[in-house]
Protein backbone atom coordinates (compact mmCIF):
# COMPACT_ATOMS: atom_id res chain seq x y z
CA MET A 1 160.81 15.71 143.19
CA SER A 2 161.62 12.07 143.27
CA GLU A 3 163.55 10.50 140.58
CA GLY A 4 161.52 9.05 137.75
CA GLU A 5 158.58 11.64 138.08
CA GLN A 6 157.68 14.01 135.30
CA PRO A 7 157.81 17.74 136.04
CA THR A 8 154.48 19.65 136.07
CA VAL A 9 154.21 22.33 133.35
CA TYR A 10 151.82 25.38 133.76
CA HIS A 11 150.36 26.91 130.56
CA PRO A 12 148.97 30.46 131.11
CA GLU A 13 145.31 31.07 129.86
CA PRO A 14 144.94 33.51 126.94
CA GLN A 15 143.74 36.99 128.09
CA SER A 16 140.09 37.98 127.17
CA ASN A 17 139.70 40.34 124.16
CA VAL A 18 136.32 41.85 125.38
CA GLY A 19 137.82 44.57 127.59
CA LYS A 20 140.12 45.62 124.72
CA TRP A 21 137.16 46.05 122.34
CA ILE A 22 135.23 48.08 124.92
CA LEU A 23 138.18 50.48 125.34
CA ILE A 24 138.50 50.84 121.55
CA ALA A 25 134.73 51.62 121.26
CA LEU A 26 134.90 54.25 123.97
CA ALA A 27 137.93 55.85 122.34
CA ILE A 28 136.07 56.02 119.02
CA VAL A 29 132.99 57.59 120.70
CA TYR A 30 135.20 60.15 122.51
CA VAL A 31 136.96 61.04 119.29
CA GLY A 32 133.67 61.49 117.43
CA ALA A 33 132.12 63.64 120.10
CA SER A 34 135.19 65.75 120.35
CA ALA A 35 135.19 66.19 116.58
CA PHE A 36 131.46 67.19 116.56
CA PHE A 37 132.01 69.67 119.45
CA ILE A 38 134.98 71.25 117.67
CA TYR A 39 132.86 71.55 114.44
CA ASP A 40 129.95 73.05 116.27
CA GLN A 41 132.08 75.58 118.06
CA HIS A 42 133.73 76.50 114.83
CA ALA A 43 130.30 77.10 113.23
CA LYS A 44 129.21 79.27 116.17
CA LEU A 45 132.49 81.21 115.96
CA ASP A 46 131.83 81.83 112.24
CA LYS A 47 128.31 83.20 113.08
CA VAL A 48 129.68 85.40 115.81
CA THR A 49 132.34 86.69 113.38
CA GLN A 50 129.72 87.45 110.72
CA ALA A 51 127.45 89.17 113.30
CA GLN A 52 130.43 91.21 114.49
CA ALA A 53 131.22 92.19 110.90
CA VAL A 54 127.58 93.35 110.38
CA SER A 55 127.67 95.28 113.63
CA ASP A 56 130.93 96.88 112.71
CA LYS A 57 129.40 97.89 109.36
CA GLN A 58 126.26 99.26 110.96
CA ILE A 59 128.35 101.21 113.47
CA GLY A 60 130.42 102.56 110.58
CA ASP A 61 127.25 103.62 108.64
CA LEU A 62 125.83 105.27 111.80
CA THR A 63 129.10 107.11 112.38
CA LYS A 64 129.06 108.31 108.72
CA ARG A 65 125.44 109.52 109.12
CA MET A 66 126.25 111.27 112.36
CA GLN A 67 129.20 112.91 110.75
CA SER A 68 127.05 113.82 107.73
CA ALA A 69 124.35 115.31 110.02
CA GLU A 70 126.95 117.18 111.89
CA ALA A 71 128.28 118.55 108.64
CA ASP A 72 124.77 119.33 107.44
CA SER A 73 124.01 121.07 110.73
CA GLU A 74 127.12 123.15 110.40
CA THR A 75 126.38 123.96 106.80
CA LEU A 76 122.78 124.95 107.68
CA ALA A 77 123.99 127.07 110.55
CA GLN A 78 126.52 128.73 108.18
CA GLN A 79 123.78 129.33 105.60
CA LEU A 80 121.51 130.83 108.20
CA GLY A 81 124.30 132.87 109.69
CA MET A 82 123.90 131.13 112.97
CA THR A 83 126.19 129.18 115.32
CA LYS A 84 125.51 125.53 116.11
CA LYS A 85 124.34 126.63 119.57
CA GLU A 86 121.99 129.21 118.13
CA LEU A 87 120.68 126.66 115.67
CA ALA A 88 120.05 124.19 118.53
CA THR A 89 118.30 126.97 120.52
CA ARG A 90 116.13 127.83 117.47
CA ALA A 91 115.25 124.14 116.91
CA ALA A 92 114.24 123.92 120.57
CA GLU A 93 112.02 126.98 120.19
CA LEU A 94 110.40 125.51 117.08
CA GLN A 95 109.75 122.23 118.86
CA ARG A 96 108.16 124.13 121.81
CA ALA A 97 106.03 126.09 119.37
CA GLN A 98 104.92 122.86 117.65
CA GLN A 99 104.02 121.34 120.97
CA ALA A 100 102.07 124.46 121.94
CA ALA A 101 100.26 124.37 118.57
CA SER A 102 99.43 120.70 119.11
CA ALA A 103 98.09 121.40 122.58
CA SER A 104 95.99 124.26 121.24
CA ALA A 105 94.59 122.13 118.46
CA ALA A 106 93.80 119.40 120.95
CA ALA A 107 92.00 121.95 123.15
CA ARG A 108 89.97 123.16 120.14
CA ILE A 109 89.07 119.66 119.19
CA ALA A 110 87.96 118.91 122.76
CA ALA A 111 85.90 122.18 122.82
CA GLN A 112 84.29 121.31 119.44
CA ALA A 113 83.49 117.82 120.68
CA GLU A 114 81.89 119.30 123.79
CA GLU A 115 79.89 121.73 121.68
CA GLU A 116 78.76 118.81 119.42
CA LYS A 117 77.69 116.95 122.54
CA LYS A 118 75.62 120.00 123.51
CA ASP A 119 74.08 120.17 120.00
CA VAL A 120 73.28 116.43 120.11
CA GLY A 121 71.64 117.00 123.46
CA ALA A 122 69.59 119.91 122.07
CA VAL A 123 68.58 117.82 119.04
CA SER A 124 67.53 114.96 121.36
CA GLY A 125 65.44 117.45 123.35
CA GLU A 126 63.84 118.69 120.11
CA VAL A 127 63.12 115.18 119.05
CA GLY A 128 61.57 114.50 122.42
CA ALA A 129 59.41 117.60 121.95
CA VAL A 130 58.43 116.40 118.43
CA LYS A 131 57.48 113.05 119.84
CA THR A 132 55.34 114.83 122.44
CA ASP A 133 53.74 116.95 119.70
CA VAL A 134 53.05 113.83 117.64
CA GLY A 135 51.46 112.27 120.66
CA GLY A 136 49.33 115.40 121.10
CA VAL A 137 48.37 115.37 117.41
CA LYS A 138 47.32 111.72 117.66
CA THR A 139 45.18 112.62 120.61
CA ASP A 140 43.74 115.50 118.75
CA VAL A 141 42.96 113.35 115.74
CA ALA A 142 41.28 110.79 117.92
CA ALA A 143 39.27 113.52 119.60
CA THR A 144 38.25 115.03 116.22
CA LYS A 145 37.26 111.60 114.93
CA ALA A 146 35.13 110.99 117.98
CA SER A 147 33.56 114.50 117.56
CA LEU A 148 32.76 113.84 113.88
CA GLU A 149 31.24 110.48 114.75
CA ALA A 150 29.12 112.12 117.43
CA THR A 151 27.99 114.80 114.90
CA ILE A 152 27.10 112.28 112.25
CA ALA A 153 25.11 110.29 114.80
CA LYS A 154 22.96 113.46 115.51
CA LEU A 155 22.28 114.14 111.86
CA GLN A 156 18.89 113.10 110.44
CA SER A 157 17.66 112.15 107.03
CA THR A 158 14.36 113.20 105.54
CA VAL A 159 12.37 113.03 102.36
CA GLY A 160 13.27 115.57 99.66
CA ASP A 161 10.99 117.74 97.50
CA LEU A 162 10.83 114.79 94.99
CA ASN A 163 9.59 112.54 97.74
CA VAL A 164 12.83 110.59 97.57
CA GLN A 165 14.51 109.56 100.83
CA SER A 166 17.43 111.89 101.31
CA GLY A 167 20.76 111.11 103.05
CA LEU A 168 21.88 112.77 106.19
CA ILE A 169 21.15 116.48 106.26
CA ALA A 170 23.81 119.05 107.33
CA ASN A 171 22.36 122.15 108.97
CA THR A 172 25.70 123.92 109.65
CA ARG A 173 29.18 124.07 108.25
CA GLY A 174 30.39 121.75 111.04
CA ASP A 175 27.75 119.23 110.07
CA LEU A 176 28.96 119.44 106.44
CA GLU A 177 32.55 118.79 107.46
CA ALA A 178 31.42 115.70 109.25
CA LEU A 179 29.62 114.42 106.14
CA LYS A 180 32.69 115.14 104.00
CA HIS A 181 34.75 112.95 106.32
CA LYS A 182 32.19 110.23 106.09
CA GLY A 183 33.02 109.99 102.38
CA ASP A 184 29.69 108.61 101.11
CA ARG A 185 29.06 111.49 98.66
CA GLN A 186 30.73 114.59 97.17
CA TYR A 187 29.90 117.92 98.74
CA TYR A 188 30.24 121.48 97.36
CA GLU A 189 29.59 124.38 99.72
CA PHE A 190 28.14 127.52 98.11
CA THR A 191 26.98 131.10 98.75
CA LEU A 192 24.60 132.48 96.19
CA LEU A 193 23.91 136.20 95.85
CA LYS A 194 20.59 137.46 94.51
CA GLY A 195 20.93 139.10 91.07
CA SER A 196 24.27 137.31 90.23
CA LYS A 197 24.91 135.14 87.28
CA PRO A 198 24.54 131.36 87.58
CA GLN A 199 27.40 129.67 89.47
CA ALA A 200 28.71 126.24 88.38
CA PHE A 201 29.08 123.41 90.90
CA SER A 202 29.95 119.87 89.67
CA THR A 203 27.95 119.61 86.38
CA VAL A 204 25.17 122.00 87.26
CA ALA A 205 24.71 125.78 87.72
CA LEU A 206 22.72 127.54 90.46
CA GLN A 207 21.16 131.03 90.39
CA LEU A 208 19.37 132.63 93.32
CA LYS A 209 16.14 134.37 92.31
CA LYS A 210 14.38 135.38 95.52
CA THR A 211 14.70 135.19 99.35
CA ASP A 212 12.26 135.52 102.26
CA PRO A 213 14.33 135.56 105.50
CA LYS A 214 11.25 135.94 107.78
CA ARG A 215 9.73 132.68 106.52
CA GLY A 216 13.02 131.02 105.78
CA LYS A 217 12.17 130.50 102.18
CA TYR A 218 13.96 131.07 98.86
CA SER A 219 13.66 130.39 95.13
CA LEU A 220 16.47 129.50 92.70
CA ASP A 221 17.05 128.06 89.24
CA VAL A 222 18.94 124.80 88.62
CA THR A 223 20.50 124.43 85.14
CA ALA A 224 21.44 120.83 84.29
CA ASP A 225 21.64 118.90 81.04
CA ASP A 226 20.92 122.20 79.17
CA LYS A 227 17.64 122.51 80.98
CA THR A 228 16.68 125.00 83.69
CA ILE A 229 14.50 123.85 86.57
CA GLU A 230 12.85 126.38 88.92
CA LYS A 231 12.88 125.45 92.56
CA LYS A 232 10.33 127.92 94.01
CA ASP A 233 9.56 128.78 97.63
CA ARG A 234 11.77 126.06 99.10
CA ASN A 235 12.32 125.88 102.87
CA GLN A 236 15.51 126.34 104.74
CA SER A 237 17.16 122.91 105.53
CA GLU A 238 14.85 121.22 103.02
CA PRO A 239 16.56 118.73 100.63
CA VAL A 240 16.00 120.06 97.13
CA GLN A 241 16.33 117.15 94.70
CA PHE A 242 16.84 116.74 90.93
CA TYR A 243 18.15 114.08 88.46
CA THR A 244 20.87 114.83 85.96
CA GLY A 245 23.34 113.09 83.69
CA ARG A 246 23.16 110.15 81.32
CA ASP A 247 22.98 107.75 84.34
CA HIS A 248 20.13 109.76 85.86
CA MET A 249 21.97 110.56 89.07
CA LEU A 250 20.25 112.04 92.06
CA TYR A 251 21.65 115.41 93.15
CA GLU A 252 20.34 117.37 96.07
CA LEU A 253 21.04 120.72 97.62
CA VAL A 254 20.38 122.11 101.02
CA VAL A 255 20.23 125.78 102.10
CA TRP A 256 20.97 126.29 105.81
CA THR A 257 20.89 130.12 105.98
CA VAL A 258 18.52 132.58 104.21
CA ASP A 259 19.40 136.32 104.32
CA LYS A 260 17.94 139.29 102.54
CA ASN A 261 20.18 139.08 99.47
CA LYS A 262 21.96 135.73 99.78
CA VAL A 263 21.74 132.08 100.82
CA THR A 264 24.37 129.60 101.97
CA GLY A 265 24.35 125.88 101.78
CA TYR A 266 25.82 122.91 99.87
CA LEU A 267 25.27 120.68 96.83
CA SER A 268 25.51 116.93 97.33
CA THR A 269 26.30 114.55 94.44
CA PRO A 270 26.91 110.81 94.18
CA LYS A 271 30.47 109.64 94.80
CA ASN A 272 30.90 108.67 91.13
CA ALA A 273 29.54 111.89 89.69
CA PRO A 274 31.63 113.98 87.35
CA ILE A 275 34.00 116.44 89.00
CA PRO A 276 33.71 120.23 88.35
CA VAL A 277 35.01 121.49 85.02
CA SER A 278 34.76 125.24 85.57
CA ALA A 279 34.04 127.47 88.62
CA THR A 280 31.39 129.68 87.04
CA GLN A 281 28.99 129.25 84.17
CA GLN A 282 28.61 132.54 82.13
């Protein structure tokens, strides 16, 4: 340095504080994390300790129960006059007997179920048979209806002895059944014996007086409204007519067989005529 020159002085720059603060922050974070970890581990250790205590208590209780059971077993064996081994053997025998009984009960239940299945099958078969019978009955009913309709179609009407147009005339019991099913009038079948007392039908009484089988003729008395009307020498299958009742209803009778001492036939009355009150008028 030459004389008269000023010496150069170097002033060091102050160090930056940023790095120091970063280190301080990291230290704080580390300390906090370490404290939390220690606290968490301590809590877990407390839980493990409590669980261990509970387990120890349960093990103690179980040990006491086992000891009590052992004592009870010994006491029972002593009361029964048996050793523990004999008691165990007897218990095994009872268990086998119980298992055998259970198996037997299961077998009985299975057999009963099988028997019930057979019964159900039998009932199903019977139901099928009933259905078949019902079908047959329906067929029979249809055939009977067709037969009745055919019979009715063949019947004829004629003029009665009062010159009033009669309804359809039944000449046999089968014809009469057909007319009954038709339902237009009420019909009462009768058999009158010669010499018998008057017989009541609906609101009238009939008494046979005479028969002539060769000519197919007969005579009878009709009692109605306290009056007796003589129907003399009427022909077989001829509608015999008379009026009766307050409403002047037309009744008619037809005889389809004439024998030596009896006649058979039917009395026909309007649908709204009174029903019979007594079977025989004395």
